[in-house]
Protein backbone atom coordinates (compact mmCIF):
# COMPACT_ATOMS: atom_id res chain seq x y z
CA MET A 1 23.07 14.28 43.49
CA PRO A 2 21.06 11.15 44.73
CA SER A 3 18.05 13.34 44.34
CA VAL A 4 18.98 14.29 40.76
CA CYS A 5 19.42 10.60 39.82
CA SER A 6 16.21 9.70 41.37
CA ALA A 7 14.37 12.34 39.47
CA LEU A 8 16.06 11.22 36.08
CA GLY A 9 15.20 7.68 37.06
CA ALA A 10 11.63 8.43 37.71
CA GLY A 11 11.43 10.53 34.52
CA LEU A 12 12.75 7.74 32.49
CA ALA A 13 10.36 5.37 34.04
CA LEU A 14 7.39 7.69 33.33
CA TYR A 15 8.72 8.08 29.72
CA LEU A 16 9.08 4.29 29.17
CA SER A 17 5.58 3.71 30.80
CA TYR A 18 3.98 6.23 28.48
CA ARG A 19 5.64 4.76 25.31
CA ILE A 20 4.52 1.28 26.29
CA LEU A 21 1.02 2.26 27.00
CA ASP A 22 0.96 4.55 23.82
CA PHE A 23 2.14 1.61 21.72
CA ALA A 24 -0.58 -0.90 23.33
CA TRP A 25 -3.44 1.78 22.98
CA LEU A 26 -2.48 2.13 19.10
CA TYR A 27 -3.10 -1.52 18.51
CA ALA A 28 -5.81 -1.98 20.89
CA ARG A 29 -8.06 1.11 19.94
CA PRO A 30 -11.08 0.60 17.58
CA SER A 31 -10.69 1.65 14.07
CA GLY A 32 -11.63 5.05 12.84
CA LEU A 33 -12.73 3.86 9.32
CA GLY A 34 -16.37 4.55 10.03
CA ARG A 35 -15.72 8.35 10.09
CA TYR A 36 -15.44 8.18 6.31
CA LEU A 37 -18.38 6.02 5.55
CA TYR A 38 -21.29 8.32 5.12
CA ARG A 39 -23.76 9.40 2.44
CA SER A 40 -23.41 12.62 0.49
CA ALA A 41 -25.51 15.49 1.29
CA ALA A 42 -29.15 15.14 0.44
CA GLY A 43 -29.94 16.27 -3.02
CA ASP A 44 -26.41 15.76 -4.38
CA GLN A 45 -26.58 14.31 -7.92
CA GLY A 46 -30.32 14.28 -7.84
CA GLN A 47 -30.35 11.76 -4.97
CA GLY A 48 -32.81 12.47 -2.30
CA GLN A 49 -31.05 10.34 0.42
CA GLY A 50 -27.44 11.25 -0.82
CA GLN A 51 -25.02 8.72 -2.49
CA PRO A 52 -23.31 5.99 -0.73
CA ALA A 53 -19.63 6.15 0.11
CA TRP A 54 -17.00 4.88 -2.43
CA ALA A 55 -13.42 4.16 -2.12
CA LEU A 56 -10.85 4.00 -4.91
CA VAL A 57 -8.03 1.43 -4.47
CA THR A 58 -5.07 1.29 -6.70
CA GLY A 59 -3.26 -2.02 -7.45
CA ALA A 60 -6.60 -3.87 -6.57
CA THR A 61 -6.05 -7.04 -8.60
CA ASP A 62 -3.67 -8.78 -6.21
CA GLY A 63 -1.95 -8.89 -2.81
CA ILE A 64 -2.69 -6.22 -0.31
CA GLY A 65 -4.64 -4.03 -2.74
CA ARG A 66 -7.14 -6.70 -3.50
CA ALA A 67 -7.34 -7.78 0.32
CA LEU A 68 -7.97 -3.99 1.04
CA ALA A 69 -10.79 -3.69 -1.58
CA ALA A 70 -12.46 -6.86 0.03
CA GLU A 71 -12.15 -5.47 3.39
CA LEU A 72 -13.46 -2.01 2.48
CA ALA A 73 -16.47 -3.83 1.02
CA VAL A 74 -16.94 -5.60 4.22
CA ALA A 75 -16.88 -2.34 6.05
CA GLY A 76 -19.55 -0.92 3.88
CA PHE A 77 -17.82 0.90 1.05
CA ASN A 78 -18.52 0.51 -2.70
CA VAL A 79 -15.08 0.30 -4.44
CA VAL A 80 -13.34 1.40 -7.67
CA LEU A 81 -10.86 -1.26 -8.56
CA HIS A 82 -7.69 -0.05 -10.38
CA GLY A 83 -5.34 -2.20 -12.34
CA ARG A 84 -3.47 -2.50 -15.57
CA SER A 85 -5.17 -5.37 -17.18
CA LEU A 86 -8.89 -5.21 -18.09
CA ALA A 87 -9.12 -9.15 -18.11
CA LYS A 88 -7.66 -9.26 -14.64
CA LEU A 89 -9.83 -6.50 -13.37
CA GLU A 90 -13.16 -7.97 -14.82
CA LYS A 91 -12.16 -11.29 -12.97
CA VAL A 92 -11.52 -9.62 -9.73
CA THR A 93 -14.49 -7.39 -10.02
CA ALA A 94 -16.91 -10.42 -10.62
CA GLU A 95 -15.30 -12.37 -7.63
CA LEU A 96 -15.88 -9.53 -5.37
CA ALA A 97 -19.33 -8.71 -6.56
CA ALA A 98 -20.19 -12.50 -5.93
CA ALA A 99 -18.74 -12.34 -2.41
CA HIS A 100 -20.31 -8.94 -1.55
CA PRO A 101 -23.63 -8.62 -3.49
CA ALA A 102 -24.65 -5.64 -1.46
CA ARG A 103 -21.82 -3.56 -2.62
CA SER A 104 -21.08 -1.95 -6.12
CA PHE A 105 -17.68 -2.29 -7.84
CA ARG A 106 -16.29 -0.45 -10.81
CA PRO A 107 -13.03 -1.05 -12.76
CA LEU A 108 -10.37 1.64 -13.52
CA VAL A 109 -7.90 0.55 -16.20
CA LEU A 110 -4.56 2.60 -15.98
CA ASP A 111 -0.98 1.80 -16.58
CA ALA A 112 1.00 2.89 -13.69
CA PHE A 113 4.25 2.29 -15.37
CA GLU A 114 3.42 4.76 -18.10
CA CYS A 115 2.16 7.53 -15.84
CA HIS A 116 4.81 9.80 -16.63
CA GLU A 117 3.87 10.01 -20.32
CA SER A 118 1.34 12.24 -21.77
CA GLY A 119 -0.95 9.34 -22.13
CA ALA A 120 -1.38 5.78 -20.52
CA GLY A 121 -2.07 2.56 -22.31
CA THR A 122 -5.41 1.04 -21.63
CA ASP A 123 -5.53 -2.01 -23.71
CA ASP A 124 -5.88 -5.50 -22.06
CA GLU A 125 -2.05 -5.94 -21.73
CA GLY A 126 -1.86 -2.55 -19.77
CA GLY A 127 0.10 -0.67 -22.21
CA GLY A 128 0.77 0.16 -25.97
CA GLY A 129 -2.85 0.81 -26.67
CA GLU A 130 -4.99 3.87 -27.10
CA GLU A 131 -3.32 7.17 -25.78
CA VAL A 132 -5.52 8.80 -23.23
CA ASP A 133 -5.25 11.60 -20.88
CA PHE A 134 -4.40 10.52 -17.20
CA ASP A 135 -6.44 12.91 -15.38
CA GLU A 136 -9.24 12.25 -17.61
CA VAL A 137 -9.39 8.62 -17.20
CA ILE A 138 -9.52 9.07 -13.37
CA ALA A 139 -12.17 11.56 -13.66
CA ARG A 140 -14.34 9.66 -15.98
CA ALA A 141 -14.07 6.79 -13.49
CA VAL A 142 -15.14 8.64 -10.29
CA ALA A 143 -16.58 11.90 -11.01
CA ASP A 144 -20.16 11.00 -10.57
CA LEU A 145 -19.44 9.04 -7.34
CA HIS A 146 -19.38 10.13 -3.63
CA LEU A 147 -15.67 9.20 -3.20
CA THR A 148 -14.51 9.54 0.29
CA VAL A 149 -11.44 7.30 0.42
CA LEU A 150 -8.44 6.86 -1.95
CA VAL A 151 -5.88 3.96 -1.19
CA ASN A 152 -2.65 4.29 -3.04
CA CYS A 153 -1.65 0.61 -2.92
CA ALA A 154 -0.35 -0.04 -6.52
CA GLY A 155 3.50 -0.86 -6.06
CA ALA A 156 6.00 -3.47 -6.70
CA GLY A 157 9.81 -4.03 -6.89
CA PRO A 158 12.00 -5.66 -9.51
CA ARG A 159 12.55 -9.31 -10.03
CA PRO A 160 14.57 -10.66 -8.42
CA SER A 161 13.68 -8.76 -5.46
CA PHE A 162 16.99 -8.57 -3.75
CA GLY A 163 20.14 -7.29 -5.56
CA THR A 164 22.75 -4.58 -5.78
CA LEU A 165 21.90 -1.46 -7.67
CA GLU A 166 24.12 -2.23 -10.76
CA ARG A 167 22.55 -5.61 -11.23
CA TYR A 168 19.25 -4.05 -12.66
CA SER A 169 18.54 -2.52 -16.01
CA ARG A 170 17.80 1.29 -16.49
CA ARG A 171 14.27 0.15 -17.41
CA GLU A 172 13.83 -1.73 -14.18
CA VAL A 173 15.03 0.99 -12.13
CA LEU A 174 12.73 3.56 -14.02
CA ASP A 175 9.70 1.33 -13.84
CA THR A 176 10.15 0.84 -10.16
CA VAL A 177 10.32 4.65 -9.44
CA HIS A 178 7.20 5.50 -11.80
CA LEU A 179 5.10 2.79 -10.10
CA ASN A 180 6.04 3.50 -6.48
CA ALA A 181 6.77 7.20 -6.44
CA ALA A 182 5.17 9.10 -9.52
CA PHE A 183 1.94 7.23 -9.80
CA PRO A 184 0.64 7.72 -6.35
CA ALA A 185 1.63 11.35 -6.55
CA LEU A 186 -0.25 11.91 -9.77
CA VAL A 187 -3.22 9.80 -8.60
CA SER A 188 -3.53 11.86 -5.41
CA ARG A 189 -3.17 15.13 -7.49
CA ALA A 190 -6.05 14.05 -9.73
CA VAL A 191 -8.46 12.79 -6.91
CA ILE A 192 -7.85 15.36 -3.97
CA PRO A 193 -10.07 17.95 -5.63
CA LEU A 194 -12.84 15.33 -5.74
CA LEU A 195 -12.22 14.29 -2.08
CA SER A 196 -12.19 17.81 -0.81
CA SER A 197 -15.21 19.15 -2.65
CA SER A 198 -17.95 17.77 -0.34
CA THR A 199 -16.04 17.33 2.94
CA SER A 200 -16.33 18.99 6.27
CA ALA A 201 -14.75 18.49 9.74
CA ARG A 202 -17.59 16.27 10.65
CA ALA A 203 -17.36 14.26 7.28
CA PRO A 204 -13.73 13.95 6.36
CA SER A 205 -12.14 12.23 3.43
CA LEU A 206 -9.19 9.97 3.64
CA ILE A 207 -5.98 9.13 1.75
CA ILE A 208 -4.12 5.89 2.64
CA ASN A 209 -0.58 5.61 1.14
CA VAL A 210 0.65 1.92 1.56
CA ALA A 211 4.41 2.49 2.12
CA SER A 212 7.17 0.05 3.34
CA VAL A 213 9.55 -0.44 6.18
CA THR A 214 12.17 -0.61 3.38
CA ASP A 215 12.25 3.17 3.35
CA THR A 216 14.87 3.23 6.15
CA GLY A 217 17.77 2.18 3.60
CA LEU A 218 17.90 -1.46 3.67
CA PRO A 219 20.49 -3.13 1.50
CA LEU A 220 19.86 -4.89 -1.70
CA VAL A 221 16.44 -2.77 -2.15
CA SER A 222 18.05 0.49 -2.86
CA PHE A 223 15.97 2.15 -5.48
CA TYR A 224 12.65 0.18 -4.44
CA GLY A 225 13.19 1.50 -0.85
CA ALA A 226 13.94 4.93 -1.98
CA SER A 227 10.89 4.93 -4.24
CA LYS A 228 8.81 3.81 -1.26
CA ALA A 229 10.35 6.62 0.90
CA PHE A 230 8.98 9.03 -1.69
CA GLY A 231 5.51 7.94 -1.03
CA HIS A 232 5.88 8.15 2.63
CA VAL A 233 7.07 11.79 2.52
CA LEU A 234 4.32 12.60 0.20
CA SER A 235 1.80 11.44 2.81
CA LEU A 236 3.38 13.75 5.36
CA SER A 237 3.61 16.63 3.36
CA LEU A 238 0.11 16.27 1.91
CA GLY A 239 -1.42 15.80 5.44
CA ARG A 240 0.10 18.95 6.45
CA GLU A 241 -0.93 20.81 3.38
CA MET A 242 -4.49 19.74 4.23
CA ALA A 243 -4.22 20.77 7.82
CA MET A 244 -2.59 24.11 6.76
CA ASP A 245 -5.59 24.95 4.44
CA ARG A 246 -8.31 23.52 6.73
CA ARG A 247 -9.27 20.92 4.22
CA ALA A 248 -10.99 18.04 5.65
CA VAL A 249 -8.93 15.44 3.81
CA GLU A 250 -6.87 13.20 6.35
CA VAL A 251 -3.69 11.42 4.98
CA ILE A 252 -1.90 8.52 6.51
CA SER A 253 1.06 6.63 5.55
CA HIS A 254 1.06 2.86 6.54
CA ARG A 255 4.59 1.42 6.47
CA VAL A 256 4.19 -2.48 5.95
CA GLY A 257 6.74 -5.14 6.11
CA ALA A 258 7.34 -8.50 4.71
CA THR A 259 4.04 -9.99 3.37
CA THR A 260 3.04 -13.30 1.75
CA ALA A 261 0.01 -14.30 -0.40
CA THR A 262 1.12 -11.74 -3.00
CA SER A 263 1.86 -12.04 -6.70
CA HIS A 264 5.55 -12.75 -6.01
CA GLU A 265 5.59 -14.32 -2.54
CA ARG A 266 3.60 -17.46 -1.85
CA ARG A 267 5.45 -18.83 1.43
CA PRO A 268 3.16 -20.08 4.34
CA PRO A 269 2.15 -17.17 6.52
CA SER A 270 3.66 -16.67 9.93
CA LEU A 271 3.85 -14.10 12.71
CA PHE A 272 6.39 -11.93 11.29
CA TRP A 273 5.39 -12.75 7.63
CA PRO A 274 1.72 -12.33 7.58
CA ALA A 275 -0.68 -13.02 4.66
CA ALA A 276 -2.04 -9.86 2.58
CA PRO A 277 -5.39 -10.26 4.18
CA THR A 278 -3.97 -9.94 7.69
CA VAL A 279 -1.97 -6.66 6.63
CA ALA A 280 -5.11 -5.23 4.97
CA ARG A 281 -7.13 -5.77 8.19
CA ALA A 282 -4.27 -4.18 10.22
CA VAL A 283 -4.07 -1.16 7.79
CA LEU A 284 -7.86 -0.45 8.16
CA ALA A 285 -7.89 -1.13 11.99
CA ARG A 286 -5.17 1.56 12.34
CA THR A 287 -6.87 4.04 10.05
CA GLY A 288 -8.19 7.21 11.74
CA CYS A 289 -5.77 6.71 14.64
CA GLY A 290 -4.77 10.41 14.48
CA ARG A 291 -1.17 9.83 13.29
CA ARG A 292 0.29 10.88 10.10
CA SER A 293 2.50 7.62 9.68
CA VAL A 294 2.12 4.19 11.36
CA VAL A 295 3.36 0.47 11.03
CA PRO A 296 -0.09 -0.95 11.05
CA TYR A 297 0.72 -4.65 11.86
CA TRP A 298 2.09 -4.83 15.54
CA PRO A 299 4.78 -7.61 15.04
CA HIS A 300 6.40 -5.49 12.34
CA ALA A 301 5.96 -2.35 14.55
CA LEU A 302 7.72 -4.26 17.39
CA GLN A 303 10.58 -5.31 15.18
CA GLN A 304 11.02 -1.61 14.11
CA LEU A 305 10.86 -0.46 17.78
CA MET A 306 13.49 -2.94 18.76
CA LEU A 307 15.91 -1.90 15.84
CA ALA A 308 15.48 1.81 16.93
CA LEU A 309 16.52 1.00 20.39
CA LEU A 310 19.92 -0.33 19.24
CA PRO A 311 23.02 1.57 18.48
CA GLU A 312 23.25 2.19 14.76
CA SER A 313 26.31 -0.08 14.40
CA ALA A 314 24.56 -2.90 15.96
CA ALA A 315 21.26 -2.42 13.99
CA ASP A 316 23.20 -2.12 10.76
CA ARG A 317 24.79 -5.54 11.69
CA ILE A 318 21.41 -7.16 12.13
CA VAL A 319 19.92 -5.65 9.02
CA ILE A 320 22.93 -6.60 6.77
CA ASP A 321 22.82 -10.25 8.17
CA VAL A 322 18.98 -10.43 7.59
CA MET A 323 19.23 -9.16 4.04
CA ARG A 324 22.28 -11.26 2.98
CA GLU A 325 20.24 -14.28 4.06
CA ARG A 326 17.15 -13.08 2.07
CA ARG A 327 19.39 -12.87 -0.98
CA THR A 328 20.88 -16.40 -0.40
CA GLU A 329 17.40 -17.75 0.00
CA GLN A 330 16.15 -15.90 -3.09
CA ASP A 331 19.13 -17.30 -5.24
CA ARG A 332 18.60 -20.77 -3.95
CA ASP A 333 14.91 -20.81 -4.75
CA ARG A 334 15.78 -19.34 -8.28
CA ASN A 335 18.21 -22.06 -8.96
CA ARG A 336 15.84 -24.75 -7.77
CA ASP A 337 13.02 -23.44 -9.96
CA ARG A 338 15.45 -23.15 -12.99
CA ASN A 339 16.67 -26.68 -12.49
CA ARG A 340 12.96 -28.03 -12.16
CA ASP A 341 12.07 -26.11 -15.27
CA ARG A 342 15.09 -27.56 -17.17
CA ALA A 343 14.28 -31.03 -16.07
CA ALA A 344 10.63 -30.62 -17.19
CA GLY A 345 11.68 -29.44 -20.43
CA ALA A 346 14.08 -32.32 -20.96
CA ALA A 347 11.13 -34.71 -19.96
CA ALA A 348 8.87 -33.26 -22.45
CA ALA A 349 11.48 -33.55 -25.21
CA ARG A 350 12.03 -37.24 -24.45
CA ARG A 351 8.27 -37.85 -24.57
CA LYS A 352 8.01 -36.08 -27.85
CA GLU A 353 10.91 -38.13 -29.28
CA ALA A 354 9.27 -41.43 -27.97
């Protein structure tokens, strides 16, 4: 019996050592992003030296998407920037071009909220304009490019961010699902033939899906978390499809946690609440790691690991307490902003009367 216990203890120690070393190596190893930065074969499109590599980033006008576009430019990629508003896209394109003069940028206007319709609005407000074919718009934007990377980053939740399901309207639920679930699936469907047409085992292409740790079933983000889980499972399935058919298109799901410096979150960054550029760098640093799914930012990964080690009942209590506090904080901030706006309106009315 002592020998059995000793063997079990030694086996457990070896397993824990392996997990610790595996975790450390994942976040210490160099990025594999350079595998996807290569020119097309000489002579393609009439170019003697081949075309330079391009990446398509959806949701590139703000937050993590914009930060990823900037980091890809730093890494050497030219970037197609997707967004809903032409005005915002032109502004971001000009800013990135000024910051990275050696790179080329191209805008792609497409309304992710209307991706389920036969056409998608392309006016300056991102909807209600000319009806166009979804696949045609994407093909027109990238067909002449040597596209090696697709980053599905367009995504958002409802406002307010934290609430019970019945609090939200039917429209808010559908918009969230269309944006986070249907849109990345349809973009991937349109782009995969372009990615796989000129790849090989030595020159692969890449799809990055920016998912979320809310896909584990957190309270108060029910349909948002479910819509992000769709994208995560889509990544796993697509990756296995590509491997099954021996197509050199690699697919990875990056499950990100709480992030600031986005369109709806401006709190000061901290270790467990990093700014969007920090998360973007982590995403690209983990790219090419050989896994189909990863939490790219190591403090978030550590949080997930610690929760996974707890009994389900204990993990549930922690998650419920944290999310309850998040809702309380959100409601407090909303009330403060409402009172501030009310006071500003009253002050403006008094000045007008005076």
